Amino acid sequence: MDVRYTAVATANGRDGRAVSSDGRLAVTLAPPREMGGTGEGTNPEQLFAAGYAACFASALAAVARKTRHDVRDVSVTAEVGLGGDAEQGFGLTVVLRVELPDDLDNGRDLVERAHRVCPYSNATRGNVPVQLVIE
């Protein structure tokens, strides 16, 4: 694969900071209250959800352009669940909620094609259950 871009970020744990190499991303990290943390920062699952939602929306736009469909008003919400424990291992689940315009033909087909080309979908395939929900 010809790599066209590499993102670099450094973190020092779930309860600390994460910073990108260019300094544009600099966030305080804290475990959510549901996991015994303060919840006073973001967490890796939120960052993953934001990245996956943005990437999937972009993949959907790329697929739609090839078929001349207008998806400017599309919205993608990623719900990333974290479960498991330190003994058995932790795992993720993902629900992608795709809000499509009412007049879009073949919306399900476009979403499924986007799921085949999205880098996040390709990275999680076979490792993380991903549910596609069209709203």
C-alpha atoms as a PDB file:
ATOM      1  CA  MET A   1       0.000   0.000   0.000  1.00  0.00           C
ATOM      2  CA  ASP A   2       1.255   3.465  -0.892  1.00  0.00           C
ATOM      3  CA  VAL A   3       0.972   5.494   2.345  1.00  0.00           C
ATOM      4  CA  ARG A   4      -0.110   9.064   1.558  1.00  0.00           C
ATOM      5  CA  TYR A   5      -0.360  10.395   5.107  1.00  0.00           C
ATOM      6  CA  THR A   6       0.723   9.301   8.578  1.00  0.00           C
ATOM      7  CA  ALA A   7      -0.875  10.718  11.706  1.00  0.00           C
ATOM      8  CA  VAL A   8       1.281  10.692  14.830  1.00  0.00           C
ATOM      9  CA  ALA A   9       0.033  11.150  18.386  1.00  0.00           C
ATOM     10  CA  THR A  10       1.464  10.386  21.805  1.00  0.00           C
ATOM     11  CA  ALA A  11      -0.480   9.530  24.957  1.00  0.00           C
ATOM     12  CA  ASN A  12       0.601   8.617  28.450  1.00  0.00           C
ATOM     13  CA  GLY A  13      -2.400   6.521  29.475  1.00  0.00           C
ATOM     14  CA  ARG A  14      -6.143   6.800  29.950  1.00  0.00           C
ATOM     15  CA  ASP A  15      -5.665   9.365  32.693  1.00  0.00           C
ATOM     16  CA  GLY A  16      -3.284  11.914  31.213  1.00  0.00           C
ATOM     17  CA  ARG A  17      -2.861  13.703  27.890  1.00  0.00           C
ATOM     18  CA  ALA A  18      -2.810  12.919  24.202  1.00  0.00           C
ATOM     19  CA  VAL A  19      -1.069  15.224  21.752  1.00  0.00           C
ATOM     20  CA  SER A  20      -0.600  15.020  17.990  1.00  0.00           C
ATOM     21  CA  SER A  21       2.847  15.620  16.537  1.00  0.00           C
ATOM     22  CA  ASP A  22       1.699  18.893  14.940  1.00  0.00           C
ATOM     23  CA  GLY A  23       0.066  20.096  18.175  1.00  0.00           C
ATOM     24  CA  ARG A  24      -3.373  20.561  16.583  1.00  0.00           C
ATOM     25  CA  LEU A  25      -4.817  17.861  18.826  1.00  0.00           C
ATOM     26  CA  ALA A  26      -4.087  18.208  22.524  1.00  0.00           C
ATOM     27  CA  VAL A  27      -6.618  16.658  24.878  1.00  0.00           C
ATOM     28  CA  THR A  28      -6.876  15.779  28.528  1.00  0.00           C
ATOM     29  CA  LEU A  29      -7.696  12.109  28.953  1.00  0.00           C
ATOM     30  CA  ALA A  30      -9.773  10.662  31.773  1.00  0.00           C
ATOM     31  CA  PRO A  31     -11.689   7.413  32.139  1.00  0.00           C
ATOM     32  CA  PRO A  32     -15.476   7.866  31.998  1.00  0.00           C
ATOM     33  CA  ARG A  33     -17.467   7.802  35.215  1.00  0.00           C
ATOM     34  CA  GLU A  34     -18.979   4.492  34.110  1.00  0.00           C
ATOM     35  CA  MET A  35     -15.509   2.981  34.430  1.00  0.00           C
ATOM     36  CA  GLY A  36     -14.639   4.573  37.768  1.00  0.00           C
ATOM     37  CA  GLY A  37     -12.992   7.696  36.381  1.00  0.00           C
ATOM     38  CA  THR A  38     -13.702  11.357  36.848  1.00  0.00           C
ATOM     39  CA  GLY A  39     -15.116  11.810  33.355  1.00  0.00           C
ATOM     40  CA  GLU A  40     -13.411  15.209  33.266  1.00  0.00           C
ATOM     41  CA  GLY A  41     -11.599  14.566  30.018  1.00  0.00           C
ATOM     42  CA  THR A  42     -12.107  12.708  26.801  1.00  0.00           C
ATOM     43  CA  ASN A  43     -11.328   9.025  26.430  1.00  0.00           C
ATOM     44  CA  PRO A  44      -9.937   6.818  23.651  1.00  0.00           C
ATOM     45  CA  GLU A  45     -13.377   5.487  22.762  1.00  0.00           C
ATOM     46  CA  GLN A  46     -14.688   9.016  22.132  1.00  0.00           C
ATOM     47  CA  LEU A  47     -11.670   9.785  19.959  1.00  0.00           C
ATOM     48  CA  PHE A  48     -12.156   6.538  18.047  1.00  0.00           C
ATOM     49  CA  ALA A  49     -15.880   7.280  17.610  1.00  0.00           C
ATOM     50  CA  ALA A  50     -15.164  10.760  16.246  1.00  0.00           C
ATOM     51  CA  GLY A  51     -12.528   9.448  13.852  1.00  0.00           C
ATOM     52  CA  TYR A  52     -14.674   6.565  12.647  1.00  0.00           C
ATOM     53  CA  ALA A  53     -17.722   8.816  12.104  1.00  0.00           C
ATOM     54  CA  ALA A  54     -15.702  11.358  10.119  1.00  0.00           C
ATOM     55  CA  CYS A  55     -13.918   8.707   8.070  1.00  0.00           C
ATOM     56  CA  PHE A  56     -17.130   6.829   7.295  1.00  0.00           C
ATOM     57  CA  ALA A  57     -18.865  10.040   6.181  1.00  0.00           C
ATOM     58  CA  SER A  58     -15.926  10.727   3.887  1.00  0.00           C
ATOM     59  CA  ALA A  59     -16.030   7.181   2.470  1.00  0.00           C
ATOM     60  CA  LEU A  60     -19.769   7.564   1.879  1.00  0.00           C
ATOM     61  CA  ALA A  61     -19.163  10.834   0.012  1.00  0.00           C
ATOM     62  CA  ALA A  62     -16.497   9.188  -2.166  1.00  0.00           C
ATOM     63  CA  VAL A  63     -18.793   6.285  -3.052  1.00  0.00           C
ATOM     64  CA  ALA A  64     -21.726   8.638  -3.700  1.00  0.00           C
ATOM     65  CA  ARG A  65     -19.671  10.869  -6.013  1.00  0.00           C
ATOM     66  CA  LYS A  66     -18.998   7.910  -8.295  1.00  0.00           C
ATOM     67  CA  THR A  67     -22.729   7.273  -8.614  1.00  0.00           C
ATOM     68  CA  ARG A  68     -23.653  10.964  -8.743  1.00  0.00           C
ATOM     69  CA  HIS A  69     -25.655  10.889  -5.501  1.00  0.00           C
ATOM     70  CA  ASP A  70     -25.793  13.971  -3.302  1.00  0.00           C
ATOM     71  CA  VAL A  71     -24.850  13.185   0.299  1.00  0.00           C
ATOM     72  CA  ARG A  72     -23.935  16.688   1.464  1.00  0.00           C
ATOM     73  CA  ASP A  73     -26.617  16.460   4.148  1.00  0.00           C
ATOM     74  CA  VAL A  74     -25.495  13.087   5.463  1.00  0.00           C
ATOM     75  CA  SER A  75     -24.682  12.654   9.139  1.00  0.00           C
ATOM     76  CA  VAL A  76     -22.806   9.730  10.692  1.00  0.00           C
ATOM     77  CA  THR A  77     -22.842   8.997  14.414  1.00  0.00           C
ATOM     78  CA  ALA A  78     -20.512   6.327  15.752  1.00  0.00           C
ATOM     79  CA  GLU A  79     -21.302   4.655  19.055  1.00  0.00           C
ATOM     80  CA  VAL A  80     -18.252   2.820  20.417  1.00  0.00           C
ATOM     81  CA  GLY A  81     -18.827   0.427  23.287  1.00  0.00           C
ATOM     82  CA  LEU A  82     -16.080  -0.917  25.537  1.00  0.00           C
ATOM     83  CA  GLY A  83     -16.464  -4.126  27.501  1.00  0.00           C
ATOM     84  CA  GLY A  84     -14.534  -6.973  29.024  1.00  0.00           C
ATOM     85  CA  ASP A  85     -11.978  -7.087  31.805  1.00  0.00           C
ATOM     86  CA  ALA A  86      -8.243  -7.263  32.443  1.00  0.00           C
ATOM     87  CA  GLU A  87      -8.329 -11.050  32.874  1.00  0.00           C
ATOM     88  CA  GLN A  88     -10.237 -11.990  29.720  1.00  0.00           C
ATOM     89  CA  GLY A  89      -9.304  -8.939  27.675  1.00  0.00           C
ATOM     90  CA  PHE A  90     -11.177  -5.852  26.589  1.00  0.00           C
ATOM     91  CA  GLY A  91     -13.116  -5.443  23.373  1.00  0.00           C
ATOM     92  CA  LEU A  92     -15.031  -2.884  21.364  1.00  0.00           C
ATOM     93  CA  THR A  93     -18.374  -2.781  19.601  1.00  0.00           C
ATOM     94  CA  VAL A  94     -19.463  -0.177  17.066  1.00  0.00           C
ATOM     95  CA  VAL A  95     -22.847   1.026  15.870  1.00  0.00           C
ATOM     96  CA  LEU A  96     -22.727   3.421  12.909  1.00  0.00           C
ATOM     97  CA  ARG A  97     -25.918   5.455  12.615  1.00  0.00           C
ATOM     98  CA  VAL A  98     -26.125   6.987   9.150  1.00  0.00           C
ATOM     99  CA  GLU A  99     -28.716   9.690   8.610  1.00  0.00           C
ATOM    100  CA  LEU A 100     -29.444   9.952   4.898  1.00  0.00           C
ATOM    101  CA  PRO A 101     -31.614  12.417   2.975  1.00  0.00           C
ATOM    102  CA  ASP A 102     -35.166  11.099   2.485  1.00  0.00           C
ATOM    103  CA  ASP A 103     -34.952  11.347  -1.301  1.00  0.00           C
ATOM    104  CA  LEU A 104     -31.732   9.337  -1.651  1.00  0.00           C
ATOM    105  CA  ASP A 105     -32.171   6.249  -3.811  1.00  0.00           C
ATOM    106  CA  ASN A 106     -30.199   3.113  -2.936  1.00  0.00           C
ATOM    107  CA  GLY A 107     -29.111   4.499   0.434  1.00  0.00           C
ATOM    108  CA  ARG A 108     -28.505   1.047   1.934  1.00  0.00           C
ATOM    109  CA  ASP A 109     -26.318   0.085  -1.042  1.00  0.00           C
ATOM    110  CA  LEU A 110     -24.254   3.277  -0.694  1.00  0.00           C
ATOM    111  CA  VAL A 111     -23.762   2.693   3.043  1.00  0.00           C
ATOM    112  CA  GLU A 112     -22.688  -0.914   2.496  1.00  0.00           C
ATOM    113  CA  ARG A 113     -20.267   0.149  -0.248  1.00  0.00           C
ATOM    114  CA  ALA A 114     -18.849   2.844   2.037  1.00  0.00           C
ATOM    115  CA  HIS A 115     -18.379   0.162   4.710  1.00  0.00           C
ATOM    116  CA  ARG A 116     -16.274  -1.840   2.241  1.00  0.00           C
ATOM    117  CA  VAL A 117     -13.927   1.074   1.450  1.00  0.00           C
ATOM    118  CA  CYS A 118     -13.711   2.988   4.750  1.00  0.00           C
ATOM    119  CA  PRO A 119     -10.254   2.492   6.330  1.00  0.00           C
ATOM    120  CA  TYR A 120     -11.755   2.241   9.825  1.00  0.00           C
ATOM    121  CA  SER A 121     -14.233  -0.401   8.634  1.00  0.00           C
ATOM    122  CA  ASN A 122     -11.415  -2.325   6.982  1.00  0.00           C
ATOM    123  CA  ALA A 123      -9.305  -2.116  10.142  1.00  0.00           C
ATOM    124  CA  THR A 124     -12.113  -3.390  12.376  1.00  0.00           C
ATOM    125  CA  ARG A 125     -13.518  -6.040  10.023  1.00  0.00           C
ATOM    126  CA  GLY A 126     -13.323  -9.450  11.651  1.00  0.00           C
ATOM    127  CA  ASN A 127     -12.117  -7.934  14.939  1.00  0.00           C
ATOM    128  CA  VAL A 128     -14.899  -5.611  16.086  1.00  0.00           C
ATOM    129  CA  PRO A 129     -18.615  -6.130  15.514  1.00  0.00           C
ATOM    130  CA  VAL A 130     -19.928  -3.174  13.487  1.00  0.00           C
ATOM    131  CA  GLN A 131     -23.657  -2.618  13.048  1.00  0.00           C
ATOM    132  CA  LEU A 132     -24.876  -0.312  10.280  1.00  0.00           C
ATOM    133  CA  VAL A 133     -28.118   1.536  11.053  1.00  0.00           C
ATOM    134  CA  ILE A 134     -29.736   3.785   8.451  1.00  0.00           C
ATOM    135  CA  GLU A 135     -31.951   6.511   9.880  1.00  0.00           C
END
